[in-house]
Amino acid sequence: MEELHGRLSIYPDWGYVIYRTTYSAESDAFFPDSIRFIEACIKEQFVDVGADRPQNYVSEDWPKYRSTIMEDPAQFQGASLDKIRTHFETWVDAQGKRDKWTKFRMCIVIDEESLQTLKGATVAEIETENFHEPLRYVKVLEAFPDIDQYDTFPGWMKCWTYALWTLWANMQDGDDMKIQHAFIEEDNPWPDVYMG
């Protein structure tokens, strides 16, 4: 949180860039609620972590959270993760922000698979004890990933919505996403999802 607070003296806001790659009547109905749910999940963990800090970063820094939504059916309908990465990297480079900060190092992709896990999610669900049933996740991909043919990390991973703040915080120090990917535990109930 301290690093985020310091960065906000340079940047006006913070938050994930979110790509939508599914466009249908159903997705039109659920997408706005999905964004509200994702943002509420990030806020819940952000507030929990902030409660342990001596400075009141929560009241100062949470209001500066802004999701950047990339929606364009002509460009993104059914787009592959590689196509989204190319667009995101081009967008980052156009701003001269390559590897400058977490916002420009990774983005969320809400495709049909992710949307189906988010369907029916409500902010009220966060207050329940069984907040990981059913499992809700999005795909998060890294810009300019450092991978080769020997890596098991494909340049992206599924991430539990409640772990998005943890992922943001862990990526702030400039580490590659494959380090976080390595923490996906094979023996957890969802062996292909990053749980933070």
N, C-alpha and C. Protein backbone atom coordinates (compact mmCIF):
# COMPACT_ATOMS: atom_id res chain seq x y z
N MET A 1 0.82 -1.20 0.00
CA MET A 1 0.00 0.00 0.00
C MET A 1 0.86 1.26 0.00
N GLU A 2 1.99 1.19 0.66
CA GLU A 2 2.88 2.35 0.71
C GLU A 2 3.38 2.69 -0.69
N GLU A 3 3.72 1.66 -1.47
CA GLU A 3 4.19 1.92 -2.83
C GLU A 3 3.08 2.51 -3.69
N LEU A 4 1.88 1.98 -3.58
CA LEU A 4 0.75 2.53 -4.31
C LEU A 4 0.54 4.00 -3.93
N HIS A 5 0.58 4.29 -2.64
CA HIS A 5 0.38 5.65 -2.16
C HIS A 5 1.43 6.59 -2.77
N GLY A 6 2.68 6.11 -2.80
CA GLY A 6 3.74 6.92 -3.39
C GLY A 6 3.54 7.15 -4.89
N ARG A 7 3.11 6.11 -5.59
CA ARG A 7 2.87 6.23 -7.03
C ARG A 7 1.76 7.21 -7.36
N LEU A 8 0.80 7.32 -6.44
CA LEU A 8 -0.33 8.22 -6.68
C LEU A 8 0.05 9.69 -6.52
N SER A 9 1.30 9.95 -6.15
CA SER A 9 1.79 11.33 -6.21
C SER A 9 2.25 11.66 -7.64
N ILE A 10 2.41 10.59 -8.47
CA ILE A 10 2.81 10.76 -9.87
C ILE A 10 1.61 10.58 -10.79
N TYR A 11 0.83 9.51 -10.53
CA TYR A 11 -0.31 9.18 -11.39
C TYR A 11 -1.61 9.66 -10.75
N PRO A 12 -2.58 10.10 -11.56
CA PRO A 12 -3.82 10.63 -10.99
C PRO A 12 -4.75 9.55 -10.44
N ASP A 13 -4.61 8.31 -10.94
CA ASP A 13 -5.48 7.24 -10.47
C ASP A 13 -4.77 5.91 -10.66
N TRP A 14 -5.45 4.84 -10.24
CA TRP A 14 -4.88 3.50 -10.37
C TRP A 14 -6.03 2.55 -10.66
N GLY A 15 -5.70 1.36 -11.10
CA GLY A 15 -6.74 0.37 -11.36
C GLY A 15 -6.43 -0.46 -12.59
N TYR A 16 -7.19 -1.51 -12.74
CA TYR A 16 -6.98 -2.44 -13.85
C TYR A 16 -7.56 -1.92 -15.15
N VAL A 17 -6.89 -2.25 -16.23
CA VAL A 17 -7.45 -2.13 -17.57
C VAL A 17 -8.21 -3.43 -17.82
N ILE A 18 -9.47 -3.33 -18.22
CA ILE A 18 -10.33 -4.50 -18.36
C ILE A 18 -10.85 -4.59 -19.79
N TYR A 19 -10.52 -5.68 -20.45
CA TYR A 19 -10.98 -5.93 -21.81
C TYR A 19 -12.21 -6.84 -21.79
N ARG A 20 -13.20 -6.47 -22.57
CA ARG A 20 -14.39 -7.30 -22.75
C ARG A 20 -14.31 -7.94 -24.13
N THR A 21 -14.36 -9.28 -24.17
CA THR A 21 -14.26 -9.97 -25.46
C THR A 21 -15.50 -10.79 -25.79
N THR A 22 -16.56 -10.62 -25.02
CA THR A 22 -17.80 -11.34 -25.30
C THR A 22 -18.94 -10.33 -25.41
N TYR A 23 -19.70 -10.43 -26.49
CA TYR A 23 -20.77 -9.47 -26.78
C TYR A 23 -22.01 -10.23 -27.22
N SER A 24 -23.02 -10.20 -26.39
CA SER A 24 -24.29 -10.86 -26.67
C SER A 24 -25.32 -10.17 -25.79
N ALA A 25 -26.58 -10.50 -25.99
CA ALA A 25 -27.62 -9.93 -25.13
C ALA A 25 -27.36 -10.31 -23.68
N GLU A 26 -26.94 -11.57 -23.45
CA GLU A 26 -26.66 -12.01 -22.09
C GLU A 26 -25.48 -11.24 -21.49
N SER A 27 -24.41 -11.09 -22.26
CA SER A 27 -23.24 -10.39 -21.74
C SER A 27 -23.55 -8.91 -21.51
N ASP A 28 -24.40 -8.33 -22.38
CA ASP A 28 -24.80 -6.93 -22.18
C ASP A 28 -25.50 -6.78 -20.83
N ALA A 29 -26.30 -7.76 -20.48
CA ALA A 29 -27.04 -7.71 -19.21
C ALA A 29 -26.12 -7.88 -18.00
N PHE A 30 -25.13 -8.78 -18.11
CA PHE A 30 -24.32 -9.12 -16.94
C PHE A 30 -23.02 -8.32 -16.82
N PHE A 31 -22.53 -7.74 -17.90
CA PHE A 31 -21.22 -7.10 -17.84
C PHE A 31 -21.14 -5.95 -16.82
N PRO A 32 -22.10 -5.02 -16.79
CA PRO A 32 -21.99 -3.93 -15.79
C PRO A 32 -21.96 -4.44 -14.36
N ASP A 33 -22.78 -5.44 -14.05
CA ASP A 33 -22.76 -6.02 -12.70
C ASP A 33 -21.44 -6.71 -12.42
N SER A 34 -20.87 -7.33 -13.44
CA SER A 34 -19.58 -8.00 -13.27
C SER A 34 -18.48 -7.00 -12.91
N ILE A 35 -18.49 -5.85 -13.56
CA ILE A 35 -17.50 -4.82 -13.24
C ILE A 35 -17.69 -4.33 -11.81
N ARG A 36 -18.93 -4.07 -11.41
CA ARG A 36 -19.19 -3.64 -10.04
C ARG A 36 -18.71 -4.69 -9.04
N PHE A 37 -18.94 -5.97 -9.35
CA PHE A 37 -18.52 -7.05 -8.46
C PHE A 37 -17.00 -7.11 -8.36
N ILE A 38 -16.31 -7.04 -9.49
CA ILE A 38 -14.84 -7.07 -9.49
C ILE A 38 -14.29 -5.92 -8.66
N GLU A 39 -14.80 -4.73 -8.87
CA GLU A 39 -14.32 -3.57 -8.13
C GLU A 39 -14.61 -3.72 -6.63
N ALA A 40 -15.75 -4.28 -6.28
CA ALA A 40 -16.07 -4.50 -4.87
C ALA A 40 -15.14 -5.53 -4.24
N CYS A 41 -14.77 -6.56 -5.01
CA CYS A 41 -13.81 -7.57 -4.50
C CYS A 41 -12.46 -6.92 -4.22
N ILE A 42 -11.99 -6.09 -5.15
CA ILE A 42 -10.71 -5.40 -4.96
C ILE A 42 -10.79 -4.50 -3.73
N LYS A 43 -11.88 -3.76 -3.62
CA LYS A 43 -12.03 -2.84 -2.49
C LYS A 43 -12.06 -3.60 -1.17
N GLU A 44 -12.76 -4.72 -1.12
CA GLU A 44 -12.86 -5.50 0.13
C GLU A 44 -11.48 -5.89 0.64
N GLN A 45 -10.65 -6.41 -0.24
CA GLN A 45 -9.32 -6.83 0.19
C GLN A 45 -8.43 -5.62 0.48
N PHE A 46 -8.57 -4.58 -0.33
CA PHE A 46 -7.80 -3.34 -0.13
C PHE A 46 -8.09 -2.74 1.25
N VAL A 47 -9.36 -2.69 1.62
CA VAL A 47 -9.76 -2.14 2.92
C VAL A 47 -9.26 -3.04 4.05
N ASP A 48 -9.37 -4.36 3.87
CA ASP A 48 -8.88 -5.28 4.90
C ASP A 48 -7.39 -5.10 5.16
N VAL A 49 -6.62 -5.01 4.10
CA VAL A 49 -5.17 -4.83 4.25
C VAL A 49 -4.87 -3.45 4.83
N GLY A 50 -5.60 -2.45 4.39
CA GLY A 50 -5.37 -1.08 4.85
C GLY A 50 -5.69 -0.87 6.32
N ALA A 51 -6.56 -1.69 6.87
CA ALA A 51 -6.92 -1.55 8.28
C ALA A 51 -5.73 -1.76 9.20
N ASP A 52 -4.71 -2.49 8.72
CA ASP A 52 -3.52 -2.77 9.54
C ASP A 52 -2.44 -1.70 9.40
N ARG A 53 -2.67 -0.69 8.59
CA ARG A 53 -1.64 0.33 8.34
C ARG A 53 -1.85 1.53 9.25
N PRO A 54 -0.75 2.14 9.71
CA PRO A 54 -0.90 3.31 10.59
C PRO A 54 -1.49 4.51 9.85
N GLN A 55 -1.10 4.70 8.58
CA GLN A 55 -1.67 5.80 7.81
C GLN A 55 -2.99 5.36 7.21
N ASN A 56 -3.86 6.33 6.97
CA ASN A 56 -5.17 6.00 6.43
C ASN A 56 -5.13 6.03 4.91
N TYR A 57 -4.40 5.07 4.32
CA TYR A 57 -4.29 5.02 2.87
C TYR A 57 -5.64 4.71 2.21
N VAL A 58 -6.48 3.99 2.92
CA VAL A 58 -7.76 3.59 2.32
C VAL A 58 -8.58 4.80 1.93
N SER A 59 -8.75 5.73 2.86
CA SER A 59 -9.59 6.90 2.57
C SER A 59 -8.97 7.80 1.51
N GLU A 60 -7.63 7.81 1.44
CA GLU A 60 -6.97 8.65 0.45
C GLU A 60 -6.86 7.97 -0.92
N ASP A 61 -6.59 6.68 -0.93
CA ASP A 61 -6.22 6.03 -2.19
C ASP A 61 -7.34 5.23 -2.85
N TRP A 62 -8.28 4.68 -2.08
CA TRP A 62 -9.35 3.94 -2.75
C TRP A 62 -10.18 4.84 -3.67
N PRO A 63 -10.52 6.07 -3.29
CA PRO A 63 -11.31 6.91 -4.20
C PRO A 63 -10.62 7.17 -5.55
N LYS A 64 -9.34 6.90 -5.63
CA LYS A 64 -8.61 7.11 -6.89
C LYS A 64 -8.61 5.86 -7.78
N TYR A 65 -9.29 4.80 -7.33
CA TYR A 65 -9.38 3.60 -8.16
C TYR A 65 -10.30 3.87 -9.34
N ARG A 66 -9.83 3.52 -10.55
CA ARG A 66 -10.63 3.64 -11.77
C ARG A 66 -10.33 2.44 -12.66
N SER A 67 -11.34 1.69 -13.00
CA SER A 67 -11.17 0.65 -14.02
C SER A 67 -11.18 1.34 -15.38
N THR A 68 -10.28 0.92 -16.26
CA THR A 68 -10.27 1.40 -17.63
C THR A 68 -10.89 0.29 -18.47
N ILE A 69 -12.08 0.53 -19.01
CA ILE A 69 -12.82 -0.50 -19.73
C ILE A 69 -12.56 -0.38 -21.23
N MET A 70 -12.09 -1.47 -21.82
CA MET A 70 -11.88 -1.55 -23.26
C MET A 70 -13.01 -2.38 -23.85
N GLU A 71 -13.95 -1.70 -24.49
CA GLU A 71 -15.12 -2.35 -25.10
C GLU A 71 -15.23 -1.92 -26.56
N ASP A 72 -15.19 -2.86 -27.45
CA ASP A 72 -15.36 -2.57 -28.87
C ASP A 72 -15.66 -3.89 -29.58
N PRO A 73 -16.93 -4.18 -29.82
CA PRO A 73 -17.28 -5.47 -30.44
C PRO A 73 -16.58 -5.70 -31.77
N ALA A 74 -16.41 -4.66 -32.56
CA ALA A 74 -15.78 -4.82 -33.87
C ALA A 74 -14.33 -5.29 -33.73
N GLN A 75 -13.67 -4.85 -32.66
CA GLN A 75 -12.26 -5.18 -32.47
C GLN A 75 -12.05 -6.40 -31.58
N PHE A 76 -12.90 -6.55 -30.56
CA PHE A 76 -12.60 -7.50 -29.50
C PHE A 76 -13.52 -8.71 -29.41
N GLN A 77 -14.60 -8.75 -30.17
CA GLN A 77 -15.51 -9.90 -30.10
C GLN A 77 -14.75 -11.20 -30.37
N GLY A 78 -14.70 -12.08 -29.38
CA GLY A 78 -14.05 -13.37 -29.54
C GLY A 78 -12.54 -13.30 -29.71
N ALA A 79 -11.94 -12.16 -29.39
CA ALA A 79 -10.50 -11.99 -29.61
C ALA A 79 -9.70 -12.96 -28.74
N SER A 80 -8.63 -13.47 -29.30
CA SER A 80 -7.74 -14.36 -28.56
C SER A 80 -6.95 -13.55 -27.53
N LEU A 81 -6.38 -14.25 -26.57
CA LEU A 81 -5.54 -13.57 -25.58
C LEU A 81 -4.33 -12.94 -26.25
N ASP A 82 -3.80 -13.57 -27.28
CA ASP A 82 -2.66 -12.98 -28.00
C ASP A 82 -3.05 -11.67 -28.67
N LYS A 83 -4.25 -11.61 -29.24
CA LYS A 83 -4.71 -10.38 -29.88
C LYS A 83 -4.91 -9.28 -28.84
N ILE A 84 -5.47 -9.65 -27.69
CA ILE A 84 -5.65 -8.66 -26.62
C ILE A 84 -4.29 -8.17 -26.13
N ARG A 85 -3.34 -9.08 -25.97
CA ARG A 85 -2.01 -8.66 -25.53
C ARG A 85 -1.40 -7.67 -26.52
N THR A 86 -1.52 -7.95 -27.80
CA THR A 86 -0.98 -7.04 -28.81
C THR A 86 -1.61 -5.66 -28.69
N HIS A 87 -2.94 -5.62 -28.52
CA HIS A 87 -3.61 -4.33 -28.38
C HIS A 87 -3.17 -3.61 -27.12
N PHE A 88 -3.10 -4.35 -26.01
CA PHE A 88 -2.70 -3.75 -24.73
C PHE A 88 -1.27 -3.22 -24.81
N GLU A 89 -0.37 -4.00 -25.37
CA GLU A 89 1.02 -3.56 -25.49
C GLU A 89 1.13 -2.32 -26.36
N THR A 90 0.36 -2.26 -27.43
CA THR A 90 0.36 -1.09 -28.30
C THR A 90 -0.17 0.13 -27.55
N TRP A 91 -1.24 -0.08 -26.78
CA TRP A 91 -1.83 1.00 -25.97
C TRP A 91 -0.82 1.51 -24.94
N VAL A 92 -0.13 0.60 -24.27
CA VAL A 92 0.88 0.97 -23.27
C VAL A 92 2.01 1.75 -23.92
N ASP A 93 2.54 1.24 -25.04
CA ASP A 93 3.65 1.91 -25.72
C ASP A 93 3.25 3.29 -26.24
N ALA A 94 2.00 3.43 -26.69
CA ALA A 94 1.54 4.72 -27.21
C ALA A 94 1.58 5.79 -26.12
N GLN A 95 1.48 5.36 -24.87
CA GLN A 95 1.54 6.31 -23.75
C GLN A 95 2.94 6.42 -23.16
N GLY A 96 3.87 5.65 -23.70
CA GLY A 96 5.23 5.67 -23.17
C GLY A 96 5.33 5.11 -21.77
N LYS A 97 4.51 4.11 -21.46
CA LYS A 97 4.44 3.59 -20.09
C LYS A 97 4.93 2.16 -19.95
N ARG A 98 5.65 1.63 -20.91
CA ARG A 98 6.11 0.24 -20.82
C ARG A 98 6.87 0.00 -19.53
N ASP A 99 6.37 -0.95 -18.77
CA ASP A 99 6.97 -1.38 -17.50
C ASP A 99 7.12 -0.25 -16.49
N LYS A 100 6.27 0.76 -16.60
CA LYS A 100 6.36 1.90 -15.68
C LYS A 100 5.61 1.67 -14.38
N TRP A 101 4.49 0.91 -14.46
CA TRP A 101 3.68 0.72 -13.26
C TRP A 101 2.74 -0.44 -13.49
N THR A 102 2.18 -0.96 -12.43
CA THR A 102 1.33 -2.15 -12.49
C THR A 102 0.20 -2.00 -13.50
N LYS A 103 -0.43 -0.85 -13.56
CA LYS A 103 -1.54 -0.62 -14.48
C LYS A 103 -1.15 -0.90 -15.93
N PHE A 104 0.11 -0.71 -16.25
CA PHE A 104 0.60 -0.87 -17.61
C PHE A 104 1.35 -2.19 -17.81
N ARG A 105 1.33 -3.05 -16.81
CA ARG A 105 2.05 -4.32 -16.89
C ARG A 105 1.13 -5.51 -17.06
N MET A 106 -0.16 -5.34 -16.72
CA MET A 106 -1.10 -6.45 -16.86
C MET A 106 -2.51 -5.90 -17.03
N CYS A 107 -3.38 -6.72 -17.60
CA CYS A 107 -4.77 -6.33 -17.77
C CYS A 107 -5.68 -7.53 -17.53
N ILE A 108 -6.93 -7.24 -17.25
CA ILE A 108 -7.95 -8.26 -17.07
C ILE A 108 -8.66 -8.50 -18.40
N VAL A 109 -8.98 -9.76 -18.68
CA VAL A 109 -9.79 -10.11 -19.84
C VAL A 109 -11.05 -10.81 -19.35
N ILE A 110 -12.19 -10.26 -19.72
CA ILE A 110 -13.46 -10.92 -19.43
C ILE A 110 -13.96 -11.50 -20.74
N ASP A 111 -13.74 -12.79 -20.89
CA ASP A 111 -14.22 -13.52 -22.06
C ASP A 111 -15.48 -14.28 -21.65
N GLU A 112 -16.00 -15.09 -22.54
CA GLU A 112 -17.23 -15.82 -22.23
C GLU A 112 -17.05 -16.75 -21.03
N GLU A 113 -15.90 -17.42 -20.96
CA GLU A 113 -15.65 -18.32 -19.83
C GLU A 113 -15.67 -17.56 -18.51
N SER A 114 -14.96 -16.45 -18.45
CA SER A 114 -14.94 -15.64 -17.22
C SER A 114 -16.32 -15.10 -16.90
N LEU A 115 -17.01 -14.61 -17.92
CA LEU A 115 -18.34 -14.04 -17.70
C LEU A 115 -19.29 -15.07 -17.09
N GLN A 116 -19.19 -16.31 -17.53
CA GLN A 116 -20.07 -17.35 -16.98
C GLN A 116 -19.80 -17.56 -15.49
N THR A 117 -18.55 -17.39 -15.04
CA THR A 117 -18.28 -17.53 -13.60
C THR A 117 -18.78 -16.32 -12.83
N LEU A 118 -18.89 -15.18 -13.51
CA LEU A 118 -19.33 -13.94 -12.86
C LEU A 118 -20.84 -13.77 -12.90
N LYS A 119 -21.51 -14.56 -13.72
CA LYS A 119 -22.95 -14.42 -13.90
C LYS A 119 -23.67 -14.57 -12.57
N GLY A 120 -24.51 -13.60 -12.25
CA GLY A 120 -25.27 -13.66 -11.01
C GLY A 120 -24.53 -13.14 -9.80
N ALA A 121 -23.27 -12.75 -9.96
CA ALA A 121 -22.50 -12.24 -8.82
C ALA A 121 -23.06 -10.89 -8.39
N THR A 122 -23.15 -10.69 -7.08
CA THR A 122 -23.61 -9.42 -6.54
C THR A 122 -22.62 -8.95 -5.48
N VAL A 123 -22.61 -7.65 -5.26
CA VAL A 123 -21.74 -7.08 -4.23
C VAL A 123 -22.09 -7.66 -2.86
N ALA A 124 -23.38 -7.94 -2.62
CA ALA A 124 -23.81 -8.49 -1.33
C ALA A 124 -23.16 -9.85 -1.05
N GLU A 125 -22.82 -10.57 -2.11
CA GLU A 125 -22.20 -11.90 -1.97
C GLU A 125 -20.88 -11.83 -1.20
N ILE A 126 -20.20 -10.70 -1.31
CA ILE A 126 -18.89 -10.55 -0.68
C ILE A 126 -18.99 -10.67 0.84
N GLU A 127 -20.14 -10.32 1.38
CA GLU A 127 -20.33 -10.36 2.83
C GLU A 127 -20.63 -11.75 3.37
N THR A 128 -20.86 -12.72 2.50
CA THR A 128 -21.23 -14.06 2.97
C THR A 128 -20.00 -14.87 3.34
N GLU A 129 -20.21 -15.90 4.12
CA GLU A 129 -19.09 -16.74 4.55
C GLU A 129 -18.59 -17.63 3.42
N ASN A 130 -19.44 -18.00 2.49
CA ASN A 130 -19.04 -18.88 1.39
C ASN A 130 -18.74 -18.07 0.13
N PHE A 131 -17.89 -17.04 0.29
CA PHE A 131 -17.67 -16.12 -0.82
C PHE A 131 -16.84 -16.73 -1.95
N HIS A 132 -16.31 -17.94 -1.77
CA HIS A 132 -15.61 -18.56 -2.90
C HIS A 132 -16.41 -19.73 -3.48
N GLU A 133 -17.68 -19.77 -3.21
CA GLU A 133 -18.57 -20.78 -3.80
C GLU A 133 -19.75 -20.07 -4.42
N PRO A 134 -19.96 -20.07 -5.69
CA PRO A 134 -19.10 -20.70 -6.69
C PRO A 134 -17.85 -19.86 -6.93
N LEU A 135 -16.83 -20.49 -7.46
CA LEU A 135 -15.58 -19.78 -7.75
C LEU A 135 -15.80 -18.80 -8.89
N ARG A 136 -15.43 -17.57 -8.68
CA ARG A 136 -15.56 -16.53 -9.70
C ARG A 136 -14.15 -16.05 -10.05
N TYR A 137 -13.86 -16.01 -11.33
CA TYR A 137 -12.51 -15.61 -11.74
C TYR A 137 -12.54 -14.86 -13.07
N VAL A 138 -11.43 -14.19 -13.32
CA VAL A 138 -11.19 -13.52 -14.60
C VAL A 138 -9.84 -13.99 -15.10
N LYS A 139 -9.52 -13.65 -16.32
CA LYS A 139 -8.19 -13.94 -16.85
C LYS A 139 -7.36 -12.65 -16.79
N VAL A 140 -6.12 -12.80 -16.35
CA VAL A 140 -5.22 -11.66 -16.26
C VAL A 140 -4.00 -11.99 -17.12
N LEU A 141 -3.68 -11.09 -18.04
CA LEU A 141 -2.52 -11.35 -18.89
C LEU A 141 -1.48 -10.28 -18.70
N GLU A 142 -0.25 -10.68 -18.89
CA GLU A 142 0.89 -9.79 -18.70
C GLU A 142 1.31 -9.20 -20.03
N ALA A 143 1.63 -7.92 -20.03
CA ALA A 143 2.20 -7.29 -21.21
C ALA A 143 3.69 -7.60 -21.26
N PHE A 144 4.18 -7.82 -22.46
CA PHE A 144 5.61 -8.06 -22.68
C PHE A 144 6.17 -9.15 -21.76
N PRO A 145 5.52 -10.30 -21.69
CA PRO A 145 5.99 -11.34 -20.76
C PRO A 145 7.35 -11.89 -21.17
N ASP A 146 8.13 -12.22 -20.17
CA ASP A 146 9.46 -12.80 -20.40
C ASP A 146 9.33 -14.32 -20.29
N ILE A 147 8.97 -14.95 -21.40
CA ILE A 147 8.78 -16.40 -21.41
C ILE A 147 9.49 -17.01 -22.61
N ASP A 148 9.82 -18.27 -22.47
CA ASP A 148 10.43 -18.99 -23.60
C ASP A 148 9.79 -20.37 -23.70
N GLN A 149 10.29 -21.21 -24.59
CA GLN A 149 9.66 -22.51 -24.83
C GLN A 149 9.77 -23.45 -23.64
N TYR A 150 10.59 -23.13 -22.66
CA TYR A 150 10.75 -24.00 -21.50
C TYR A 150 9.81 -23.62 -20.35
N ASP A 151 9.13 -22.47 -20.47
CA ASP A 151 8.23 -22.02 -19.41
C ASP A 151 6.91 -22.77 -19.43
N THR A 152 6.39 -23.04 -18.25
CA THR A 152 5.03 -23.59 -18.17
C THR A 152 4.02 -22.45 -18.07
N PHE A 153 4.48 -21.26 -17.77
CA PHE A 153 3.61 -20.08 -17.70
C PHE A 153 3.33 -19.59 -19.12
N PRO A 154 2.04 -19.50 -19.50
CA PRO A 154 1.70 -19.12 -20.87
C PRO A 154 1.62 -17.61 -21.13
N GLY A 155 1.92 -16.79 -20.11
CA GLY A 155 1.82 -15.34 -20.27
C GLY A 155 0.53 -14.77 -19.72
N TRP A 156 -0.30 -15.63 -19.15
CA TRP A 156 -1.56 -15.21 -18.54
C TRP A 156 -1.98 -16.27 -17.53
N MET A 157 -2.96 -15.92 -16.68
CA MET A 157 -3.49 -16.91 -15.75
C MET A 157 -4.90 -16.51 -15.33
N LYS A 158 -5.63 -17.50 -14.85
CA LYS A 158 -6.93 -17.23 -14.25
C LYS A 158 -6.68 -16.72 -12.83
N CYS A 159 -7.46 -15.73 -12.44
CA CYS A 159 -7.29 -15.15 -11.10
C CYS A 159 -8.64 -15.02 -10.41
N TRP A 160 -8.72 -15.56 -9.22
CA TRP A 160 -9.90 -15.42 -8.36
C TRP A 160 -10.16 -13.93 -8.15
N THR A 161 -11.41 -13.51 -8.25
CA THR A 161 -11.72 -12.08 -8.13
C THR A 161 -11.28 -11.51 -6.79
N TYR A 162 -11.31 -12.33 -5.74
CA TYR A 162 -10.91 -11.84 -4.42
C TYR A 162 -9.39 -11.75 -4.27
N ALA A 163 -8.64 -12.22 -5.25
CA ALA A 163 -7.18 -12.15 -5.18
C ALA A 163 -6.62 -11.05 -6.09
N LEU A 164 -7.48 -10.24 -6.69
CA LEU A 164 -6.99 -9.23 -7.63
C LEU A 164 -6.15 -8.15 -6.95
N TRP A 165 -6.49 -7.77 -5.72
CA TRP A 165 -5.65 -6.80 -5.02
C TRP A 165 -4.30 -7.42 -4.66
N THR A 166 -4.31 -8.66 -4.20
CA THR A 166 -3.05 -9.35 -3.89
C THR A 166 -2.16 -9.41 -5.12
N LEU A 167 -2.74 -9.75 -6.26
CA LEU A 167 -1.96 -9.81 -7.50
C LEU A 167 -1.39 -8.43 -7.83
N TRP A 168 -2.22 -7.40 -7.74
CA TRP A 168 -1.75 -6.04 -8.01
C TRP A 168 -0.56 -5.71 -7.11
N ALA A 169 -0.73 -5.93 -5.81
CA ALA A 169 0.31 -5.61 -4.84
C ALA A 169 1.59 -6.40 -5.11
N ASN A 170 1.45 -7.67 -5.45
CA ASN A 170 2.63 -8.50 -5.69
C ASN A 170 3.34 -8.15 -7.01
N MET A 171 2.61 -7.58 -7.95
CA MET A 171 3.22 -7.20 -9.23
C MET A 171 3.82 -5.80 -9.20
N GLN A 172 3.58 -5.03 -8.14
CA GLN A 172 4.08 -3.66 -8.08
C GLN A 172 5.60 -3.57 -8.07
N ASP A 173 6.25 -4.60 -7.57
CA ASP A 173 7.71 -4.51 -7.43
C ASP A 173 8.45 -4.86 -8.70
N GLY A 174 7.73 -5.06 -9.80
CA GLY A 174 8.38 -5.32 -11.09
C GLY A 174 8.63 -6.78 -11.38
N ASP A 175 8.20 -7.69 -10.49
CA ASP A 175 8.37 -9.12 -10.76
C ASP A 175 7.52 -9.55 -11.95
N ASP A 176 7.96 -10.59 -12.63
CA ASP A 176 7.18 -11.15 -13.72
C ASP A 176 5.97 -11.90 -13.15
N MET A 177 4.91 -11.97 -13.94
CA MET A 177 3.71 -12.68 -13.51
C MET A 177 3.99 -14.17 -13.32
N LYS A 178 4.98 -14.70 -14.02
CA LYS A 178 5.23 -16.13 -13.87
C LYS A 178 5.65 -16.49 -12.45
N ILE A 179 6.16 -15.52 -11.69
CA ILE A 179 6.48 -15.78 -10.28
C ILE A 179 5.19 -16.00 -9.50
N GLN A 180 4.16 -15.19 -9.79
CA GLN A 180 2.86 -15.37 -9.15
C GLN A 180 2.20 -16.67 -9.62
N HIS A 181 2.35 -16.95 -10.91
CA HIS A 181 1.79 -18.17 -11.49
C HIS A 181 2.33 -19.41 -10.78
N ALA A 182 3.57 -19.33 -10.35
CA ALA A 182 4.20 -20.46 -9.67
C ALA A 182 3.54 -20.76 -8.33
N PHE A 183 2.78 -19.79 -7.78
CA PHE A 183 2.11 -20.00 -6.49
C PHE A 183 0.74 -20.68 -6.63
N ILE A 184 0.33 -20.96 -7.87
CA ILE A 184 -0.91 -21.70 -8.04
C ILE A 184 -0.67 -23.11 -7.54
N GLU A 185 -1.43 -23.50 -6.54
CA GLU A 185 -1.19 -24.78 -5.88
C GLU A 185 -1.96 -25.90 -6.56
N GLU A 186 -1.24 -26.93 -6.93
CA GLU A 186 -1.86 -28.05 -7.63
C GLU A 186 -2.86 -28.79 -6.75
N ASP A 187 -2.68 -28.74 -5.44
CA ASP A 187 -3.56 -29.50 -4.56
C ASP A 187 -4.74 -28.68 -4.03
N ASN A 188 -4.92 -27.44 -4.52
CA ASN A 188 -6.10 -26.72 -4.07
C ASN A 188 -7.30 -27.16 -4.90
N PRO A 189 -8.51 -26.83 -4.45
CA PRO A 189 -9.71 -27.30 -5.18
C PRO A 189 -9.80 -26.76 -6.61
N TRP A 190 -9.10 -25.65 -6.88
CA TRP A 190 -9.10 -25.07 -8.23
C TRP A 190 -7.64 -24.93 -8.68
N PRO A 191 -7.04 -26.01 -9.14
CA PRO A 191 -5.59 -26.05 -9.37
C PRO A 191 -5.11 -25.14 -10.51
N ASP A 192 -6.02 -24.57 -11.30
CA ASP A 192 -5.55 -23.70 -12.36
C ASP A 192 -5.90 -22.24 -12.14
N VAL A 193 -6.28 -21.88 -10.89
CA VAL A 193 -6.69 -20.51 -10.59
C VAL A 193 -5.78 -19.93 -9.51
N TYR A 194 -5.27 -18.72 -9.75
CA TYR A 194 -4.47 -18.01 -8.77
C TYR A 194 -5.37 -17.54 -7.63
N MET A 195 -5.03 -17.94 -6.40
CA MET A 195 -5.87 -17.63 -5.26
C MET A 195 -5.22 -16.60 -4.33
N GLY A 196 -4.05 -16.10 -4.68
CA GLY A 196 -3.39 -15.07 -3.89
C GLY A 196 -2.55 -15.58 -2.77
